[in-house]
C-alpha atoms as a PDB file:
ATOM      1  CA  UNK A   1      80.554  28.046  -3.041  1.00  0.00           C
ATOM      2  CA  UNK A   2      77.899  30.238  -1.713  1.00  0.00           C
ATOM      3  CA  UNK A   3      74.156  29.034  -2.385  1.00  0.00           C
ATOM      4  CA  UNK A   4      72.721  31.889  -4.293  1.00  0.00           C
ATOM      5  CA  UNK A   5      69.674  33.221  -3.264  1.00  0.00           C
ATOM      6  CA  UNK A   6      66.168  33.152  -5.126  1.00  0.00           C
ATOM      7  CA  UNK A   7      64.993  36.159  -6.813  1.00  0.00           C
ATOM      8  CA  UNK A   8      62.680  38.102  -4.353  1.00  0.00           C
ATOM      9  CA  UNK A   9      60.229  38.452  -6.995  1.00  0.00           C
ATOM     10  CA  UNK A  10      59.947  34.943  -7.550  1.00  0.00           C
ATOM     11  CA  UNK A  11      59.289  34.558  -4.155  1.00  0.00           C
ATOM     12  CA  UNK A  12      56.669  36.965  -3.420  1.00  0.00           C
ATOM     13  CA  UNK A  13      54.811  35.964  -6.557  1.00  0.00           C
ATOM     14  CA  UNK A  14      54.586  32.390  -5.409  1.00  0.00           C
ATOM     15  CA  UNK A  15      53.634  33.956  -1.809  1.00  0.00           C
ATOM     16  CA  UNK A  16      50.824  36.038  -3.481  1.00  0.00           C
ATOM     17  CA  UNK A  17      49.376  32.919  -5.553  1.00  0.00           C
ATOM     18  CA  UNK A  18      49.099  31.157  -2.416  1.00  0.00           C
ATOM     19  CA  UNK A  19      47.332  33.350  -0.428  1.00  0.00           C
ATOM     20  CA  UNK A  20      44.868  33.922  -3.520  1.00  0.00           C
ATOM     21  CA  UNK A  21      44.166  30.286  -3.593  1.00  0.00           C
ATOM     22  CA  UNK A  22      43.595  30.139   0.170  1.00  0.00           C
ATOM     23  CA  UNK A  23      41.273  33.186  -0.039  1.00  0.00           C
ATOM     24  CA  UNK A  24      39.438  31.679  -2.885  1.00  0.00           C
ATOM     25  CA  UNK A  25      39.174  28.223  -1.277  1.00  0.00           C
ATOM     26  CA  UNK A  26      37.568  30.095   2.107  1.00  0.00           C
ATOM     27  CA  UNK A  27      35.274  32.218   0.092  1.00  0.00           C
ATOM     28  CA  UNK A  28      33.922  28.929  -1.516  1.00  0.00           C
ATOM     29  CA  UNK A  29      33.727  27.290   1.791  1.00  0.00           C
ATOM     30  CA  UNK A  30      31.632  30.146   3.004  1.00  0.00           C
ATOM     31  CA  UNK A  31      29.222  30.322  -0.127  1.00  0.00           C
ATOM     32  CA  UNK A  32      28.881  26.308   0.144  1.00  0.00           C
ATOM     33  CA  UNK A  33      28.168  26.575   3.840  1.00  0.00           C
ATOM     34  CA  UNK A  34      25.618  29.633   3.355  1.00  0.00           C
ATOM     35  CA  UNK A  35      23.371  27.929   0.926  1.00  0.00           C
ATOM     36  CA  UNK A  36      23.145  24.591   2.797  1.00  0.00           C
ATOM     37  CA  UNK A  37      22.008  26.742   5.829  1.00  0.00           C
ATOM     38  CA  UNK A  38      19.464  28.350   3.790  1.00  0.00           C
ATOM     39  CA  UNK A  39      18.326  25.514   1.970  1.00  0.00           C
ATOM     40  CA  UNK A  40      17.901  23.605   5.587  1.00  0.00           C
ATOM     41  CA  UNK A  41      16.016  26.518   6.993  1.00  0.00           C
ATOM     42  CA  UNK A  42      13.561  26.423   4.126  1.00  0.00           C
ATOM     43  CA  UNK A  43      13.084  22.631   4.151  1.00  0.00           C
ATOM     44  CA  UNK A  44      12.345  23.462   7.684  1.00  0.00           C
ATOM     45  CA  UNK A  45       9.734  25.637   7.061  1.00  0.00           C
ATOM     46  CA  UNK A  46       8.216  23.609   4.525  1.00  0.00           C
ATOM     47  CA  UNK A  47       7.944  20.702   6.512  1.00  0.00           C
ATOM     48  CA  UNK A  48       4.859  20.218   8.558  1.00  0.00           C
ATOM     49  CA  UNK A  49       4.203  17.648  11.055  1.00  0.00           C
ATOM     50  CA  UNK A  50       1.343  15.804  12.507  1.00  0.00           C
ATOM     51  CA  UNK A  51       0.292  13.987  15.430  1.00  0.00           C
ATOM     52  CA  UNK A  52      -0.745  10.374  15.142  1.00  0.00           C
ATOM     53  CA  UNK A  53      -3.143   8.520  17.318  1.00  0.00           C
ATOM     54  CA  UNK A  54      -0.657   7.372  19.635  1.00  0.00           C
ATOM     55  CA  UNK A  55       0.503  10.410  20.034  1.00  0.00           C
ATOM     56  CA  UNK A  56       3.724  10.201  17.741  1.00  0.00           C
ATOM     57  CA  UNK A  57       5.091  12.920  15.927  1.00  0.00           C
ATOM     58  CA  UNK A  58       5.461  12.216  12.198  1.00  0.00           C
ATOM     59  CA  UNK A  59       5.868  14.241   9.256  1.00  0.00           C
ATOM     60  CA  UNK A  60       3.241  15.310   7.234  1.00  0.00           C
ATOM     61  CA  UNK A  61       4.611  13.559   3.904  1.00  0.00           C
ATOM     62  CA  UNK A  62       4.768  10.834   5.954  1.00  0.00           C
ATOM     63  CA  UNK A  63       1.531  10.724   6.994  1.00  0.00           C
ATOM     64  CA  UNK A  64       0.196  11.636   3.297  1.00  0.00           C
ATOM     65  CA  UNK A  65       1.939   8.597   2.212  1.00  0.00           C
ATOM     66  CA  UNK A  66       0.211   6.317   4.842  1.00  0.00           C
ATOM     67  CA  UNK A  67      -3.485   7.794   4.466  1.00  0.00           C
ATOM     68  CA  UNK A  68      -2.714   7.055   0.178  1.00  0.00           C
ATOM     69  CA  UNK A  69      -1.651   3.425   1.080  1.00  0.00           C
ATOM     70  CA  UNK A  70      -4.509   2.887   3.272  1.00  0.00           C
ATOM     71  CA  UNK A  71      -6.424   4.050   0.248  1.00  0.00           C
ATOM     72  CA  UNK A  72      -5.218   1.524  -1.830  1.00  0.00           C
ATOM     73  CA  UNK A  73      -5.348  -1.232   0.793  1.00  0.00           C
ATOM     74  CA  UNK A  74      -8.943  -0.805   1.039  1.00  0.00           C
ATOM     75  CA  UNK A  75      -9.347  -0.663  -2.980  1.00  0.00           C
ATOM     76  CA  UNK A  76      -7.292  -3.966  -3.272  1.00  0.00           C
ATOM     77  CA  UNK A  77      -9.334  -5.537  -0.694  1.00  0.00           C
ATOM     78  CA  UNK A  78     -12.885  -4.148  -2.085  1.00  0.00           C
ATOM     79  CA  UNK A  79     -11.926  -5.687  -5.732  1.00  0.00           C
ATOM     80  CA  UNK A  80     -10.646  -8.850  -4.260  1.00  0.00           C
ATOM     81  CA  UNK A  81     -13.759  -9.598  -2.328  1.00  0.00           C
ATOM     82  CA  UNK A  82     -15.804  -8.949  -5.483  1.00  0.00           C
ATOM     83  CA  UNK A  83     -13.988 -10.892  -7.770  1.00  0.00           C
ATOM     84  CA  UNK A  84     -13.743 -13.750  -5.431  1.00  0.00           C
ATOM     85  CA  UNK A  85     -17.158 -13.609  -4.279  1.00  0.00           C
ATOM     86  CA  UNK A  86     -18.993 -11.825  -6.751  1.00  0.00           C
ATOM     87  CA  UNK A  87     -19.463 -15.071  -9.205  1.00  0.00           C
ATOM     88  CA  UNK A  88     -21.886 -16.402 -11.452  1.00  0.00           C
ATOM     89  CA  UNK A  89     -22.036 -19.689 -13.940  1.00  0.00           C
ATOM     90  CA  UNK A  90     -20.483 -17.947 -17.400  1.00  0.00           C
ATOM     91  CA  UNK A  91     -17.870 -15.740 -15.550  1.00  0.00           C
ATOM     92  CA  UNK A  92     -16.346 -17.092 -12.068  1.00  0.00           C
ATOM     93  CA  UNK A  93     -13.171 -18.701 -13.948  1.00  0.00           C
ATOM     94  CA  UNK A  94     -12.015 -15.499 -15.374  1.00  0.00           C
ATOM     95  CA  UNK A  95     -13.128 -13.751 -12.076  1.00  0.00           C
ATOM     96  CA  UNK A  96     -11.141 -16.526  -9.917  1.00  0.00           C
ATOM     97  CA  UNK A  97      -8.149 -15.813 -12.066  1.00  0.00           C
ATOM     98  CA  UNK A  98      -8.053 -12.150 -11.410  1.00  0.00           C
ATOM     99  CA  UNK A  99      -8.520 -12.689  -7.641  1.00  0.00           C
ATOM    100  CA  UNK A 100      -5.780 -15.126  -7.269  1.00  0.00           C
ATOM    101  CA  UNK A 101      -3.626 -12.381  -8.509  1.00  0.00           C
ATOM    102  CA  UNK A 102      -4.190 -10.305  -5.421  1.00  0.00           C
ATOM    103  CA  UNK A 103      -3.065 -13.306  -2.806  1.00  0.00           C
ATOM    104  CA  UNK A 104      -0.955 -15.889  -1.988  1.00  0.00           C
ATOM    105  CA  UNK A 105      -1.163 -19.581  -1.207  1.00  0.00           C
ATOM    106  CA  UNK A 106      -3.786 -18.956   1.586  1.00  0.00           C
ATOM    107  CA  UNK A 107      -6.008 -17.486  -0.966  1.00  0.00           C
ATOM    108  CA  UNK A 108      -5.437 -20.114  -3.562  1.00  0.00           C
ATOM    109  CA  UNK A 109      -6.152 -22.926  -0.831  1.00  0.00           C
ATOM    110  CA  UNK A 110      -9.492 -21.411   0.087  1.00  0.00           C
ATOM    111  CA  UNK A 111     -10.471 -21.691  -3.838  1.00  0.00           C
ATOM    112  CA  UNK A 112      -9.287 -25.200  -3.922  1.00  0.00           C
ATOM    113  CA  UNK A 113     -11.593 -26.567  -0.791  1.00  0.00           C
ATOM    114  CA  UNK A 114     -14.556 -24.676  -2.069  1.00  0.00           C
ATOM    115  CA  UNK A 115     -14.068 -26.370  -5.562  1.00  0.00           C
ATOM    116  CA  UNK A 116     -13.366 -29.785  -3.783  1.00  0.00           C
ATOM    117  CA  UNK A 117     -16.471 -29.406  -1.574  1.00  0.00           C
ATOM    118  CA  UNK A 118     -18.571 -28.911  -5.146  1.00  0.00           C
ATOM    119  CA  UNK A 119     -19.609 -25.198  -4.722  1.00  0.00           C
ATOM    120  CA  UNK A 120     -18.662 -24.036  -8.122  1.00  0.00           C
ATOM    121  CA  UNK A 121     -20.314 -27.331  -9.393  1.00  0.00           C
ATOM    122  CA  UNK A 122     -23.979 -26.326  -7.813  1.00  0.00           C
ATOM    123  CA  UNK A 123     -23.258 -23.001  -9.293  1.00  0.00           C
ATOM    124  CA  UNK A 124     -22.855 -24.324 -12.772  1.00  0.00           C
ATOM    125  CA  UNK A 125     -25.907 -26.836 -12.036  1.00  0.00           C
ATOM    126  CA  UNK A 126     -28.783 -24.678 -10.591  1.00  0.00           C
ATOM    127  CA  UNK A 127     -27.399 -21.160 -12.464  1.00  0.00           C
ATOM    128  CA  UNK A 128     -27.012 -19.738  -9.186  1.00  0.00           C
ATOM    129  CA  UNK A 129     -25.632 -16.082  -9.188  1.00  0.00           C
ATOM    130  CA  UNK A 130     -23.951 -14.769  -6.242  1.00  0.00           C
ATOM    131  CA  UNK A 131     -23.497 -11.065  -6.153  1.00  0.00           C
ATOM    132  CA  UNK A 132     -21.694  -8.727  -3.665  1.00  0.00           C
ATOM    133  CA  UNK A 133     -23.839  -6.167  -2.308  1.00  0.00           C
ATOM    134  CA  UNK A 134     -21.344  -4.413   0.017  1.00  0.00           C
ATOM    135  CA  UNK A 135     -17.919  -4.300   1.684  1.00  0.00           C
ATOM    136  CA  UNK A 136     -16.709  -2.815   4.464  1.00  0.00           C
ATOM    137  CA  UNK A 137     -12.850  -3.406   5.776  1.00  0.00           C
ATOM    138  CA  UNK A 138     -10.904  -1.975   8.820  1.00  0.00           C
ATOM    139  CA  UNK A 139      -7.431  -2.263   8.464  1.00  0.00           C
ATOM    140  CA  UNK A 140      -4.252  -1.837  10.957  1.00  0.00           C
ATOM    141  CA  UNK A 141      -1.775   0.495   9.319  1.00  0.00           C
ATOM    142  CA  UNK A 142       0.445   0.770  12.224  1.00  0.00           C
ATOM    143  CA  UNK A 143       2.988  -2.041  11.086  1.00  0.00           C
ATOM    144  CA  UNK A 144       3.519  -4.395   7.907  1.00  0.00           C
ATOM    145  CA  UNK A 145       2.060  -6.750   7.810  1.00  0.00           C
ATOM    146  CA  UNK A 146      -1.491  -4.688   7.734  1.00  0.00           C
ATOM    147  CA  UNK A 147      -3.964  -6.979   9.562  1.00  0.00           C
ATOM    148  CA  UNK A 148      -7.463  -6.742   8.030  1.00  0.00           C
ATOM    149  CA  UNK A 149     -10.946  -7.652   8.805  1.00  0.00           C
ATOM    150  CA  UNK A 150     -13.584  -7.435   6.084  1.00  0.00           C
ATOM    151  CA  UNK A 151     -17.416  -7.719   6.468  1.00  0.00           C
ATOM    152  CA  UNK A 152     -19.036  -9.001   2.931  1.00  0.00           C
ATOM    153  CA  UNK A 153     -22.877  -8.905   2.433  1.00  0.00           C
ATOM    154  CA  UNK A 154     -23.602 -11.678  -0.277  1.00  0.00           C
ATOM    155  CA  UNK A 155     -26.559 -11.974  -2.123  1.00  0.00           C
ATOM    156  CA  UNK A 156     -27.205 -15.460  -3.814  1.00  0.00           C
ATOM    157  CA  UNK A 157     -29.794 -15.386  -6.299  1.00  0.00           C
ATOM    158  CA  UNK A 158     -31.902 -18.870  -6.297  1.00  0.00           C
ATOM    159  CA  UNK A 159     -34.255 -18.024  -9.056  1.00  0.00           C
ATOM    160  CA  UNK A 160     -37.313 -16.405  -7.515  1.00  0.00           C
ATOM    161  CA  UNK A 161     -35.565 -16.440  -4.029  1.00  0.00           C
ATOM    162  CA  UNK A 162     -32.971 -14.525  -2.823  1.00  0.00           C
ATOM    163  CA  UNK A 163     -30.333 -15.219   0.324  1.00  0.00           C
ATOM    164  CA  UNK A 164     -28.487 -12.401   2.269  1.00  0.00           C
ATOM    165  CA  UNK A 165     -25.577 -13.445   3.947  1.00  0.00           C
ATOM    166  CA  UNK A 166     -23.218 -11.618   6.314  1.00  0.00           C
ATOM    167  CA  UNK A 167     -19.402 -13.309   5.808  1.00  0.00           C
ATOM    168  CA  UNK A 168     -16.485 -11.881   7.737  1.00  0.00           C
ATOM    169  CA  UNK A 169     -12.743 -12.772   6.361  1.00  0.00           C
ATOM    170  CA  UNK A 170      -9.511 -11.850   7.853  1.00  0.00           C
ATOM    171  CA  UNK A 171      -5.914 -11.453   6.767  1.00  0.00           C
ATOM    172  CA  UNK A 172      -2.843  -9.453   6.420  1.00  0.00           C
ATOM    173  CA  UNK A 173      -1.310  -7.129   3.668  1.00  0.00           C
ATOM    174  CA  UNK A 174       2.171  -6.905   2.682  1.00  0.00           C
ATOM    175  CA  UNK A 175       3.773  -4.695  -0.162  1.00  0.00           C
ATOM    176  CA  UNK A 176       4.979  -6.217  -3.465  1.00  0.00           C
ATOM    177  CA  UNK A 177       5.957  -5.138  -6.656  1.00  0.00           C
ATOM    178  CA  UNK A 178       3.186  -3.757  -8.643  1.00  0.00           C
ATOM    179  CA  UNK A 179       2.016  -5.766 -11.950  1.00  0.00           C
ATOM    180  CA  UNK A 180      -0.510  -3.712 -13.924  1.00  0.00           C
ATOM    181  CA  UNK A 181      -3.090  -4.978 -14.661  1.00  0.00           C
ATOM    182  CA  UNK A 182      -2.735  -8.202 -12.456  1.00  0.00           C
ATOM    183  CA  UNK A 183      -1.782  -6.422  -9.566  1.00  0.00           C
ATOM    184  CA  UNK A 184      -1.924  -2.648  -9.635  1.00  0.00           C
ATOM    185  CA  UNK A 185      -1.712  -1.591  -5.770  1.00  0.00           C
ATOM    186  CA  UNK A 186       1.081  -3.356  -5.151  1.00  0.00           C
ATOM    187  CA  UNK A 187      -0.752  -5.318  -2.211  1.00  0.00           C
ATOM    188  CA  UNK A 188      -0.867  -9.219  -1.709  1.00  0.00           C
ATOM    189  CA  UNK A 189      -3.275 -10.910   0.869  1.00  0.00           C
ATOM    190  CA  UNK A 190      -1.747 -13.450   3.268  1.00  0.00           C
ATOM    191  CA  UNK A 191      -3.079 -15.797   6.053  1.00  0.00           C
ATOM    192  CA  UNK A 192      -6.274 -15.266   4.443  1.00  0.00           C
ATOM    193  CA  UNK A 193      -9.499 -17.065   6.333  1.00  0.00           C
ATOM    194  CA  UNK A 194     -12.941 -17.055   6.002  1.00  0.00           C
ATOM    195  CA  UNK A 195     -14.186 -16.750   9.914  1.00  0.00           C
ATOM    196  CA  UNK A 196     -17.982 -17.000   9.630  1.00  0.00           C
ATOM    197  CA  UNK A 197     -20.537 -17.019   7.193  1.00  0.00           C
ATOM    198  CA  UNK A 198     -24.485 -16.394   8.534  1.00  0.00           C
ATOM    199  CA  UNK A 199     -27.506 -15.757   7.010  1.00  0.00           C
ATOM    200  CA  UNK A 200     -29.121 -12.772   7.487  1.00  0.00           C
ATOM    201  CA  UNK A 201     -32.907 -12.868   7.855  1.00  0.00           C
ATOM    202  CA  UNK A 202     -33.743  -9.254   7.226  1.00  0.00           C
ATOM    203  CA  UNK A 203     -31.387  -7.107   4.973  1.00  0.00           C
ATOM    204  CA  UNK A 204     -33.055  -3.686   5.652  1.00  0.00           C
ATOM    205  CA  UNK A 205     -33.008  -4.188   9.611  1.00  0.00           C
ATOM    206  CA  UNK A 206     -29.225  -4.792   9.376  1.00  0.00           C
ATOM    207  CA  UNK A 207     -28.923  -1.356   7.391  1.00  0.00           C
ATOM    208  CA  UNK A 208     -30.694   1.039  10.061  1.00  0.00           C
END
């Protein structure tokens, strides 16, 4: 028995469908590829670059993020030093509680040491007022953890006498989850250390 031949019209119709499907898929691929090329080109035109101090070329967006982080780091250090060293008899406990949120155990250790040495007891006994006059920080933003050094000028009011001291502190900053209102900058002070404390005889002279 002979095998019946397929209807020539059915074969042609099937071939036509296959060809149209291939043409449609090829056109879709071409359109998608063209769109991606145009988008990549626009992105490259909109992307600016800057040269860092060590000669490395980095995208402007990353540079802006780094500048924003440095601003937040400086604000974090200023807030901490104001709370930790700007103390008086009727408010130091609240300020200490706020300051301890901004650092790790190294900050708490210095607080406990001051407390054990009787610093806060003397503050209460003699109604001393310790005011932060100025805070200057330098931060190495090249790599995390970010090392810093802060120079803090402190006035200690002993009633009729006011003494001025220069305190140098060092430590490192690491990024952590933001916690409002306790730690809005998302940074934490580690390896905190009081390097030196010296009395300044003439504050005006040091500011010139």
